[in-house]
Amino acid sequence: MPTKLNLLPSNLQVSKGLGSFLKASRSLGVMLIVIFAIFSLGIGGFFVLSKITLGNLQTKVNQLTSQVKAQETSEQQLILLKDRLAKIASARNDPNAYKNITNVDSLFTNISPVSSMNQANISSSKIDISLVARSNEDLATFINNLKGTTLFNTVNLSSLSFSPKTGYALTVSLGNK
């Protein structure tokens, strides 16, 4: 068994209780240093892992943001396209004046080129025509064309006047079927 020699004078010797306390505090200090080192490494690893995760999340957020922007533009285009299609369908369903324009042409057959139409308001439901007939024959031809047509429900002669200088001026309102 080993012997312990203490060469210190007895007044400078460490008491038995203080010796065990110092021994325990040394052990506790070493354990605390080891725990602190492990804790520091853990915190450092946590920060590195968090930085890597944050970088990955930021990359994913940027990708998703670009996808959302791309989808926003395509969605806006889709909404505009739907709006245009709705307007086209609405325009197709609205009554138009094409039929009345072709019907008016039949009224001016066999009329000389000296006579002229001054004004025409053509809508889908009604036609207003102002005509200047230079001769009696042109006036009679126009009235016979009106009388012979079956394209209009109502014929209303709004005005008829004569001037030796210009000829006959008449205004007619026609209602279609």
N, C-alpha and C. Protein backbone atom coordinates (compact mmCIF):
# COMPACT_ATOMS: atom_id res chain seq x y z
N MET A 1 0.80 -1.14 0.00
CA MET A 1 0.00 0.00 0.00
C MET A 1 0.87 1.24 0.00
N PRO A 2 0.49 2.16 -0.73
CA PRO A 2 1.33 3.35 -0.79
C PRO A 2 1.18 4.17 0.46
N THR A 3 2.23 4.75 0.81
CA THR A 3 2.20 5.62 1.98
C THR A 3 2.19 7.06 1.53
N LYS A 4 1.50 7.84 2.32
CA LYS A 4 1.40 9.24 2.00
C LYS A 4 2.32 9.97 2.93
N LEU A 5 3.12 10.72 2.32
CA LEU A 5 4.02 11.55 3.12
C LEU A 5 3.59 12.97 2.96
N ASN A 6 3.49 13.65 4.04
CA ASN A 6 3.13 15.05 3.99
C ASN A 6 4.26 15.81 4.63
N LEU A 7 4.97 16.56 3.85
CA LEU A 7 6.11 17.29 4.33
C LEU A 7 5.74 18.70 4.75
N LEU A 8 4.51 19.04 4.65
CA LEU A 8 4.07 20.38 5.05
C LEU A 8 3.93 20.41 6.56
N PRO A 9 4.26 21.59 7.13
CA PRO A 9 4.02 21.69 8.57
C PRO A 9 2.53 21.55 8.87
N SER A 10 2.19 21.17 10.03
CA SER A 10 0.82 20.87 10.39
C SER A 10 -0.08 22.10 10.37
N ASN A 11 0.45 23.29 10.57
CA ASN A 11 -0.40 24.47 10.51
C ASN A 11 -0.75 24.85 9.07
N LEU A 12 0.05 24.37 8.12
CA LEU A 12 -0.22 24.68 6.72
C LEU A 12 -0.92 23.52 6.00
N GLN A 13 -1.18 22.51 6.68
CA GLN A 13 -1.84 21.37 6.05
C GLN A 13 -3.32 21.66 5.86
N VAL A 14 -3.85 21.08 4.79
CA VAL A 14 -5.26 21.24 4.46
C VAL A 14 -6.04 20.23 5.29
N SER A 15 -7.12 20.73 5.84
CA SER A 15 -7.93 19.83 6.67
C SER A 15 -8.57 18.76 5.80
N LYS A 16 -9.00 17.73 6.45
CA LYS A 16 -9.57 16.60 5.74
C LYS A 16 -10.85 17.00 5.02
N GLY A 17 -11.73 17.78 5.60
CA GLY A 17 -12.99 18.21 4.99
C GLY A 17 -12.74 19.12 3.80
N LEU A 18 -11.74 20.05 4.00
CA LEU A 18 -11.41 20.97 2.89
C LEU A 18 -10.78 20.21 1.75
N GLY A 19 -10.01 19.21 2.04
CA GLY A 19 -9.38 18.40 0.99
C GLY A 19 -10.42 17.68 0.16
N SER A 20 -11.41 17.09 0.81
CA SER A 20 -12.45 16.39 0.06
C SER A 20 -13.30 17.37 -0.75
N PHE A 21 -13.50 18.58 -0.19
CA PHE A 21 -14.25 19.60 -0.92
C PHE A 21 -13.50 20.03 -2.17
N LEU A 22 -12.16 20.25 -2.02
CA LEU A 22 -11.35 20.65 -3.18
C LEU A 22 -11.33 19.54 -4.23
N LYS A 23 -11.25 18.30 -3.78
CA LYS A 23 -11.24 17.18 -4.71
C LYS A 23 -12.57 17.11 -5.46
N ALA A 24 -13.66 17.29 -4.73
CA ALA A 24 -14.98 17.26 -5.35
C ALA A 24 -15.18 18.45 -6.29
N SER A 25 -14.66 19.64 -5.89
CA SER A 25 -14.81 20.81 -6.76
C SER A 25 -13.99 20.66 -8.04
N ARG A 26 -12.80 20.01 -7.95
CA ARG A 26 -12.01 19.76 -9.16
C ARG A 26 -12.78 18.83 -10.10
N SER A 27 -13.36 17.79 -9.55
CA SER A 27 -14.12 16.84 -10.37
C SER A 27 -15.34 17.54 -10.97
N LEU A 28 -15.99 18.34 -10.13
CA LEU A 28 -17.16 19.09 -10.62
C LEU A 28 -16.75 20.08 -11.70
N GLY A 29 -15.63 20.75 -11.56
CA GLY A 29 -15.14 21.71 -12.56
C GLY A 29 -14.85 21.02 -13.88
N VAL A 30 -14.21 19.85 -13.82
CA VAL A 30 -13.91 19.10 -15.05
C VAL A 30 -15.21 18.68 -15.72
N MET A 31 -16.17 18.19 -14.89
CA MET A 31 -17.45 17.79 -15.47
C MET A 31 -18.18 18.99 -16.09
N LEU A 32 -18.14 20.13 -15.42
CA LEU A 32 -18.78 21.33 -15.98
C LEU A 32 -18.11 21.78 -17.27
N ILE A 33 -16.79 21.70 -17.34
CA ILE A 33 -16.07 22.06 -18.57
C ILE A 33 -16.47 21.11 -19.70
N VAL A 34 -16.55 19.81 -19.39
CA VAL A 34 -16.95 18.84 -20.41
C VAL A 34 -18.40 19.11 -20.85
N ILE A 35 -19.28 19.37 -19.87
CA ILE A 35 -20.68 19.67 -20.20
C ILE A 35 -20.77 20.95 -21.04
N PHE A 36 -20.00 21.97 -20.68
CA PHE A 36 -19.99 23.23 -21.44
C PHE A 36 -19.49 23.00 -22.86
N ALA A 37 -18.44 22.18 -23.02
CA ALA A 37 -17.91 21.89 -24.35
C ALA A 37 -18.95 21.16 -25.19
N ILE A 38 -19.62 20.18 -24.58
CA ILE A 38 -20.66 19.43 -25.31
C ILE A 38 -21.82 20.37 -25.67
N PHE A 39 -22.23 21.21 -24.70
CA PHE A 39 -23.31 22.16 -24.95
C PHE A 39 -22.93 23.13 -26.07
N SER A 40 -21.68 23.64 -26.05
CA SER A 40 -21.22 24.56 -27.09
C SER A 40 -21.21 23.89 -28.45
N LEU A 41 -20.74 22.65 -28.51
CA LEU A 41 -20.76 21.92 -29.78
C LEU A 41 -22.20 21.69 -30.25
N GLY A 42 -23.09 21.36 -29.33
CA GLY A 42 -24.50 21.15 -29.68
C GLY A 42 -25.13 22.42 -30.22
N ILE A 43 -24.90 23.55 -29.52
CA ILE A 43 -25.44 24.83 -29.99
C ILE A 43 -24.84 25.19 -31.36
N GLY A 44 -23.56 25.00 -31.51
CA GLY A 44 -22.91 25.28 -32.81
C GLY A 44 -23.50 24.42 -33.92
N GLY A 45 -23.68 23.12 -33.63
CA GLY A 45 -24.29 22.21 -34.61
C GLY A 45 -25.72 22.62 -34.94
N PHE A 46 -26.45 23.05 -33.88
CA PHE A 46 -27.82 23.51 -34.09
C PHE A 46 -27.86 24.72 -35.00
N PHE A 47 -26.93 25.68 -34.78
CA PHE A 47 -26.90 26.87 -35.63
C PHE A 47 -26.52 26.52 -37.07
N VAL A 48 -25.57 25.61 -37.24
CA VAL A 48 -25.18 25.20 -38.60
C VAL A 48 -26.35 24.51 -39.29
N LEU A 49 -27.01 23.59 -38.57
CA LEU A 49 -28.16 22.90 -39.12
C LEU A 49 -29.30 23.87 -39.44
N SER A 50 -29.54 24.83 -38.56
CA SER A 50 -30.58 25.83 -38.80
C SER A 50 -30.25 26.68 -40.01
N LYS A 51 -28.98 27.04 -40.19
CA LYS A 51 -28.56 27.85 -41.34
C LYS A 51 -28.79 27.08 -42.64
N ILE A 52 -28.44 25.80 -42.64
CA ILE A 52 -28.63 24.97 -43.84
C ILE A 52 -30.13 24.83 -44.13
N THR A 53 -30.93 24.57 -43.09
CA THR A 53 -32.37 24.43 -43.27
C THR A 53 -32.99 25.73 -43.76
N LEU A 54 -32.54 26.86 -43.19
CA LEU A 54 -33.04 28.16 -43.63
C LEU A 54 -32.71 28.42 -45.08
N GLY A 55 -31.50 28.08 -45.50
CA GLY A 55 -31.11 28.25 -46.91
C GLY A 55 -31.99 27.41 -47.83
N ASN A 56 -32.25 26.15 -47.42
CA ASN A 56 -33.11 25.29 -48.23
C ASN A 56 -34.53 25.83 -48.30
N LEU A 57 -35.04 26.28 -47.15
CA LEU A 57 -36.39 26.84 -47.13
C LEU A 57 -36.48 28.11 -47.97
N GLN A 58 -35.45 28.93 -47.91
CA GLN A 58 -35.44 30.17 -48.71
C GLN A 58 -35.45 29.84 -50.21
N THR A 59 -34.70 28.82 -50.59
CA THR A 59 -34.68 28.39 -51.99
C THR A 59 -36.07 27.90 -52.42
N LYS A 60 -36.72 27.10 -51.55
CA LYS A 60 -38.06 26.61 -51.86
C LYS A 60 -39.06 27.76 -51.95
N VAL A 61 -38.94 28.73 -51.04
CA VAL A 61 -39.84 29.89 -51.07
C VAL A 61 -39.67 30.67 -52.37
N ASN A 62 -38.41 30.86 -52.80
CA ASN A 62 -38.16 31.57 -54.06
C ASN A 62 -38.75 30.81 -55.24
N GLN A 63 -38.60 29.49 -55.23
CA GLN A 63 -39.17 28.68 -56.32
C GLN A 63 -40.70 28.79 -56.33
N LEU A 64 -41.30 28.68 -55.15
CA LEU A 64 -42.76 28.77 -55.08
C LEU A 64 -43.26 30.16 -55.46
N THR A 65 -42.49 31.20 -55.08
CA THR A 65 -42.87 32.56 -55.46
C THR A 65 -42.85 32.72 -56.97
N SER A 66 -41.82 32.17 -57.62
CA SER A 66 -41.77 32.28 -59.08
C SER A 66 -42.89 31.48 -59.72
N GLN A 67 -43.25 30.33 -59.14
CA GLN A 67 -44.36 29.56 -59.67
C GLN A 67 -45.68 30.32 -59.51
N VAL A 68 -45.85 30.96 -58.36
CA VAL A 68 -47.08 31.73 -58.13
C VAL A 68 -47.18 32.88 -59.12
N LYS A 69 -46.05 33.57 -59.36
CA LYS A 69 -46.07 34.67 -60.33
C LYS A 69 -46.41 34.17 -61.72
N ALA A 70 -45.84 33.03 -62.09
CA ALA A 70 -46.14 32.47 -63.41
C ALA A 70 -47.62 32.09 -63.49
N GLN A 71 -48.15 31.53 -62.42
CA GLN A 71 -49.55 31.14 -62.43
C GLN A 71 -50.46 32.35 -62.37
N GLU A 72 -50.01 33.44 -61.73
CA GLU A 72 -50.82 34.67 -61.71
C GLU A 72 -51.01 35.20 -63.11
N THR A 73 -49.92 35.25 -63.89
CA THR A 73 -50.06 35.77 -65.26
C THR A 73 -50.93 34.85 -66.10
N SER A 74 -50.74 33.54 -65.96
CA SER A 74 -51.58 32.63 -66.76
C SER A 74 -53.03 32.71 -66.30
N GLU A 75 -53.26 32.89 -65.00
CA GLU A 75 -54.63 33.02 -64.50
C GLU A 75 -55.27 34.32 -64.99
N GLN A 76 -54.48 35.40 -65.01
CA GLN A 76 -55.00 36.67 -65.52
C GLN A 76 -55.36 36.52 -67.00
N GLN A 77 -54.50 35.84 -67.76
CA GLN A 77 -54.80 35.63 -69.16
C GLN A 77 -56.05 34.78 -69.32
N LEU A 78 -56.21 33.79 -68.46
CA LEU A 78 -57.39 32.94 -68.52
C LEU A 78 -58.65 33.73 -68.20
N ILE A 79 -58.58 34.59 -67.19
CA ILE A 79 -59.74 35.41 -66.83
C ILE A 79 -60.08 36.38 -67.97
N LEU A 80 -59.05 36.99 -68.56
CA LEU A 80 -59.30 37.89 -69.69
C LEU A 80 -59.91 37.14 -70.87
N LEU A 81 -59.43 35.92 -71.11
CA LEU A 81 -59.97 35.12 -72.19
C LEU A 81 -61.44 34.76 -71.93
N LYS A 82 -61.76 34.38 -70.69
CA LYS A 82 -63.15 34.08 -70.35
C LYS A 82 -64.02 35.31 -70.51
N ASP A 83 -63.49 36.47 -70.11
CA ASP A 83 -64.25 37.72 -70.24
C ASP A 83 -64.50 38.03 -71.72
N ARG A 84 -63.48 37.86 -72.53
CA ARG A 84 -63.64 38.12 -73.96
C ARG A 84 -64.64 37.16 -74.58
N LEU A 85 -64.57 35.87 -74.18
CA LEU A 85 -65.52 34.90 -74.72
C LEU A 85 -66.94 35.25 -74.32
N ALA A 86 -67.11 35.72 -73.08
CA ALA A 86 -68.45 36.12 -72.64
C ALA A 86 -68.94 37.32 -73.45
N LYS A 87 -68.05 38.26 -73.72
CA LYS A 87 -68.45 39.43 -74.51
C LYS A 87 -68.74 39.05 -75.95
N ILE A 88 -67.98 38.11 -76.50
CA ILE A 88 -68.23 37.65 -77.87
C ILE A 88 -69.59 36.96 -77.93
N ALA A 89 -69.87 36.12 -76.94
CA ALA A 89 -71.17 35.43 -76.91
C ALA A 89 -72.30 36.44 -76.76
N SER A 90 -72.08 37.45 -75.93
CA SER A 90 -73.09 38.49 -75.75
C SER A 90 -73.30 39.26 -77.05
N ALA A 91 -72.22 39.56 -77.76
CA ALA A 91 -72.34 40.29 -79.02
C ALA A 91 -73.04 39.44 -80.08
N ARG A 92 -72.77 38.14 -80.06
CA ARG A 92 -73.44 37.27 -81.04
C ARG A 92 -74.93 37.15 -80.75
N ASN A 93 -75.30 37.21 -79.49
CA ASN A 93 -76.71 37.08 -79.13
C ASN A 93 -77.50 38.36 -79.33
N ASP A 94 -76.81 39.49 -79.37
CA ASP A 94 -77.51 40.76 -79.60
C ASP A 94 -78.04 40.79 -81.03
N PRO A 95 -79.23 41.32 -81.20
CA PRO A 95 -79.75 41.44 -82.56
C PRO A 95 -78.91 42.45 -83.35
N ASN A 96 -78.69 42.14 -84.61
CA ASN A 96 -77.89 43.07 -85.41
C ASN A 96 -78.70 43.59 -86.58
N ALA A 97 -78.16 44.57 -87.25
CA ALA A 97 -78.88 45.26 -88.31
C ALA A 97 -78.53 44.73 -89.70
N TYR A 98 -77.77 43.64 -89.78
CA TYR A 98 -77.34 43.13 -91.08
C TYR A 98 -78.55 42.77 -91.96
N LYS A 99 -79.53 42.12 -91.37
CA LYS A 99 -80.72 41.72 -92.13
C LYS A 99 -81.43 42.96 -92.67
N ASN A 100 -81.53 44.01 -91.85
CA ASN A 100 -82.21 45.22 -92.30
C ASN A 100 -81.42 45.94 -93.39
N ILE A 101 -80.11 45.89 -93.32
CA ILE A 101 -79.30 46.53 -94.37
C ILE A 101 -79.54 45.85 -95.70
N THR A 102 -79.58 44.53 -95.71
CA THR A 102 -79.84 43.82 -96.97
C THR A 102 -81.27 44.04 -97.44
N ASN A 103 -82.21 44.21 -96.50
CA ASN A 103 -83.60 44.47 -96.89
C ASN A 103 -83.76 45.85 -97.52
N VAL A 104 -82.98 46.83 -97.06
CA VAL A 104 -83.08 48.19 -97.60
C VAL A 104 -82.62 48.23 -99.05
N ASP A 105 -81.65 47.40 -99.39
CA ASP A 105 -81.16 47.39 -100.77
C ASP A 105 -82.27 47.07 -101.77
N SER A 106 -83.20 46.23 -101.37
CA SER A 106 -84.28 45.85 -102.29
C SER A 106 -85.22 47.02 -102.58
N LEU A 107 -85.26 48.02 -101.71
CA LEU A 107 -86.15 49.17 -101.93
C LEU A 107 -85.63 50.11 -103.02
N PHE A 108 -84.34 50.05 -103.30
CA PHE A 108 -83.75 51.00 -104.25
C PHE A 108 -83.47 50.39 -105.62
N THR A 109 -84.09 49.27 -105.93
CA THR A 109 -83.93 48.69 -107.27
C THR A 109 -84.73 49.51 -108.27
N ASN A 110 -84.20 49.67 -109.46
CA ASN A 110 -84.82 50.39 -110.58
C ASN A 110 -84.99 51.88 -110.32
N ILE A 111 -84.25 52.45 -109.41
CA ILE A 111 -84.27 53.89 -109.18
C ILE A 111 -83.03 54.47 -109.85
N SER A 112 -83.22 55.59 -110.56
CA SER A 112 -82.09 56.17 -111.31
C SER A 112 -81.03 56.70 -110.35
N PRO A 113 -79.79 56.78 -110.80
CA PRO A 113 -78.70 57.24 -109.95
C PRO A 113 -78.79 58.73 -109.60
N VAL A 114 -79.68 59.48 -110.26
CA VAL A 114 -79.82 60.91 -109.95
C VAL A 114 -80.50 61.09 -108.59
N SER A 115 -81.37 60.19 -108.26
CA SER A 115 -82.02 60.24 -106.95
C SER A 115 -81.05 59.67 -105.92
N SER A 116 -81.17 60.16 -104.70
CA SER A 116 -80.20 59.72 -103.69
C SER A 116 -80.85 59.59 -102.32
N MET A 117 -80.23 58.77 -101.51
CA MET A 117 -80.66 58.61 -100.13
C MET A 117 -79.81 59.59 -99.31
N ASN A 118 -80.47 60.51 -98.61
CA ASN A 118 -79.76 61.51 -97.81
C ASN A 118 -79.29 60.94 -96.48
N GLN A 119 -80.18 60.21 -95.85
CA GLN A 119 -79.87 59.74 -94.50
C GLN A 119 -80.54 58.41 -94.28
N ALA A 120 -79.87 57.53 -93.53
CA ALA A 120 -80.46 56.24 -93.16
C ALA A 120 -80.00 55.90 -91.75
N ASN A 121 -80.95 55.63 -90.89
CA ASN A 121 -80.68 55.12 -89.54
C ASN A 121 -81.22 53.71 -89.49
N ILE A 122 -80.32 52.75 -89.42
CA ILE A 122 -80.72 51.34 -89.48
C ILE A 122 -80.34 50.68 -88.17
N SER A 123 -81.33 50.10 -87.52
CA SER A 123 -81.08 49.33 -86.30
C SER A 123 -81.67 47.95 -86.48
N SER A 124 -81.61 47.14 -85.44
CA SER A 124 -82.12 45.78 -85.57
C SER A 124 -83.64 45.74 -85.62
N SER A 125 -84.31 46.78 -85.16
CA SER A 125 -85.77 46.74 -85.12
C SER A 125 -86.43 47.76 -86.04
N LYS A 126 -85.70 48.75 -86.51
CA LYS A 126 -86.35 49.84 -87.25
C LYS A 126 -85.37 50.46 -88.24
N ILE A 127 -85.93 51.04 -89.30
CA ILE A 127 -85.14 51.73 -90.32
C ILE A 127 -85.80 53.07 -90.61
N ASP A 128 -85.01 54.14 -90.58
CA ASP A 128 -85.47 55.47 -90.97
C ASP A 128 -84.66 55.89 -92.19
N ILE A 129 -85.38 56.26 -93.27
CA ILE A 129 -84.71 56.63 -94.52
C ILE A 129 -85.20 57.99 -94.98
N SER A 130 -84.26 58.84 -95.40
CA SER A 130 -84.59 60.11 -96.05
C SER A 130 -84.11 59.99 -97.49
N LEU A 131 -85.02 60.27 -98.45
CA LEU A 131 -84.72 60.07 -99.86
C LEU A 131 -85.06 61.34 -100.64
N VAL A 132 -84.25 61.66 -101.60
CA VAL A 132 -84.54 62.75 -102.53
C VAL A 132 -84.71 62.10 -103.91
N ALA A 133 -85.95 62.14 -104.41
CA ALA A 133 -86.26 61.58 -105.73
C ALA A 133 -86.33 62.76 -106.70
N ARG A 134 -85.53 62.72 -107.73
CA ARG A 134 -85.44 63.84 -108.67
C ARG A 134 -86.61 63.85 -109.67
N SER A 135 -87.26 62.71 -109.81
CA SER A 135 -88.35 62.67 -110.80
C SER A 135 -89.55 61.92 -110.23
N ASN A 136 -90.68 62.10 -110.94
CA ASN A 136 -91.91 61.39 -110.55
C ASN A 136 -91.74 59.88 -110.68
N GLU A 137 -91.01 59.45 -111.71
CA GLU A 137 -90.81 58.02 -111.94
C GLU A 137 -90.03 57.38 -110.79
N ASP A 138 -88.98 58.09 -110.31
CA ASP A 138 -88.21 57.55 -109.19
C ASP A 138 -89.06 57.46 -107.93
N LEU A 139 -89.89 58.47 -107.69
CA LEU A 139 -90.77 58.45 -106.52
C LEU A 139 -91.77 57.31 -106.64
N ALA A 140 -92.36 57.15 -107.83
CA ALA A 140 -93.34 56.07 -108.04
C ALA A 140 -92.67 54.71 -107.89
N THR A 141 -91.45 54.55 -108.41
CA THR A 141 -90.73 53.27 -108.30
C THR A 141 -90.44 52.95 -106.84
N PHE A 142 -89.99 53.94 -106.07
CA PHE A 142 -89.68 53.72 -104.66
C PHE A 142 -90.94 53.33 -103.88
N ILE A 143 -92.06 54.03 -104.15
CA ILE A 143 -93.31 53.72 -103.45
C ILE A 143 -93.83 52.34 -103.86
N ASN A 144 -93.68 51.98 -105.13
CA ASN A 144 -94.09 50.64 -105.56
C ASN A 144 -93.21 49.56 -104.91
N ASN A 145 -91.92 49.86 -104.78
CA ASN A 145 -91.03 48.91 -104.08
C ASN A 145 -91.45 48.75 -102.62
N LEU A 146 -91.85 49.85 -101.98
CA LEU A 146 -92.34 49.78 -100.60
C LEU A 146 -93.63 48.98 -100.52
N LYS A 147 -94.49 49.22 -101.48
CA LYS A 147 -95.80 48.57 -101.49
C LYS A 147 -95.66 47.08 -101.77
N GLY A 148 -94.71 46.71 -102.59
CA GLY A 148 -94.55 45.31 -102.99
C GLY A 148 -93.71 44.48 -102.02
N THR A 149 -93.01 45.09 -101.11
CA THR A 149 -92.14 44.31 -100.22
C THR A 149 -92.93 43.66 -99.09
N THR A 150 -92.48 42.49 -98.70
CA THR A 150 -93.08 41.79 -97.56
C THR A 150 -92.08 41.71 -96.41
N LEU A 151 -91.01 42.47 -96.50
CA LEU A 151 -89.93 42.39 -95.51
C LEU A 151 -90.19 43.23 -94.28
N PHE A 152 -91.15 44.16 -94.35
CA PHE A 152 -91.38 45.08 -93.24
C PHE A 152 -92.84 44.99 -92.80
N ASN A 153 -93.06 45.10 -91.49
CA ASN A 153 -94.42 45.07 -90.92
C ASN A 153 -95.13 46.40 -91.13
N THR A 154 -94.42 47.46 -90.79
CA THR A 154 -95.06 48.78 -90.84
C THR A 154 -94.24 49.70 -91.73
N VAL A 155 -94.95 50.57 -92.45
CA VAL A 155 -94.33 51.61 -93.26
C VAL A 155 -95.02 52.90 -92.85
N ASN A 156 -94.24 53.85 -92.36
CA ASN A 156 -94.79 55.11 -91.90
C ASN A 156 -94.12 56.23 -92.70
N LEU A 157 -94.90 56.95 -93.49
CA LEU A 157 -94.38 58.09 -94.25
C LEU A 157 -94.41 59.30 -93.34
N SER A 158 -93.22 59.69 -92.87
CA SER A 158 -93.13 60.79 -91.90
C SER A 158 -93.29 62.15 -92.57
N SER A 159 -92.67 62.32 -93.73
CA SER A 159 -92.81 63.61 -94.42
C SER A 159 -92.63 63.41 -95.91
N LEU A 160 -93.30 64.29 -96.67
CA LEU A 160 -93.19 64.30 -98.13
C LEU A 160 -93.28 65.75 -98.55
N SER A 161 -92.28 66.18 -99.29
CA SER A 161 -92.29 67.58 -99.76
C SER A 161 -91.75 67.61 -101.19
N PHE A 162 -92.08 68.71 -101.88
CA PHE A 162 -91.62 68.88 -103.25
C PHE A 162 -91.01 70.25 -103.41
N SER A 163 -89.91 70.27 -104.13
CA SER A 163 -89.26 71.52 -104.49
C SER A 163 -88.85 71.40 -105.95
N PRO A 164 -89.16 72.41 -106.78
CA PRO A 164 -88.82 72.30 -108.19
C PRO A 164 -87.31 72.19 -108.40
N LYS A 165 -86.56 72.72 -107.47
CA LYS A 165 -85.10 72.71 -107.59
C LYS A 165 -84.51 71.33 -107.28
N THR A 166 -84.97 70.70 -106.19
CA THR A 166 -84.38 69.44 -105.75
C THR A 166 -85.24 68.23 -106.06
N GLY A 167 -86.51 68.37 -106.20
CA GLY A 167 -87.39 67.25 -106.46
C GLY A 167 -88.17 66.89 -105.20
N TYR A 168 -88.54 65.62 -105.09
CA TYR A 168 -89.33 65.15 -103.96
C TYR A 168 -88.39 64.74 -102.82
N ALA A 169 -88.73 65.19 -101.62
CA ALA A 169 -87.99 64.76 -100.43
C ALA A 169 -88.97 64.02 -99.53
N LEU A 170 -88.63 62.79 -99.19
CA LEU A 170 -89.53 62.04 -98.32
C LEU A 170 -88.73 61.32 -97.23
N THR A 171 -89.41 61.15 -96.11
CA THR A 171 -88.82 60.43 -94.98
C THR A 171 -89.76 59.29 -94.63
N VAL A 172 -89.18 58.08 -94.52
CA VAL A 172 -89.97 56.88 -94.28
C VAL A 172 -89.38 56.15 -93.09
N SER A 173 -90.27 55.66 -92.19
CA SER A 173 -89.86 54.79 -91.08
C SER A 173 -90.43 53.40 -91.35
N LEU A 174 -89.57 52.39 -91.28
CA LEU A 174 -89.98 51.02 -91.57
C LEU A 174 -89.73 50.16 -90.34
N GLY A 175 -90.70 49.33 -89.99
CA GLY A 175 -90.54 48.38 -88.90
C GLY A 175 -90.44 46.98 -89.46
N ASN A 176 -89.46 46.20 -89.01
CA ASN A 176 -89.26 44.89 -89.61
C ASN A 176 -90.02 43.81 -88.84
N LYS A 177 -90.06 42.65 -89.45
CA LYS A 177 -90.78 41.50 -88.86
C LYS A 177 -89.94 40.85 -87.81
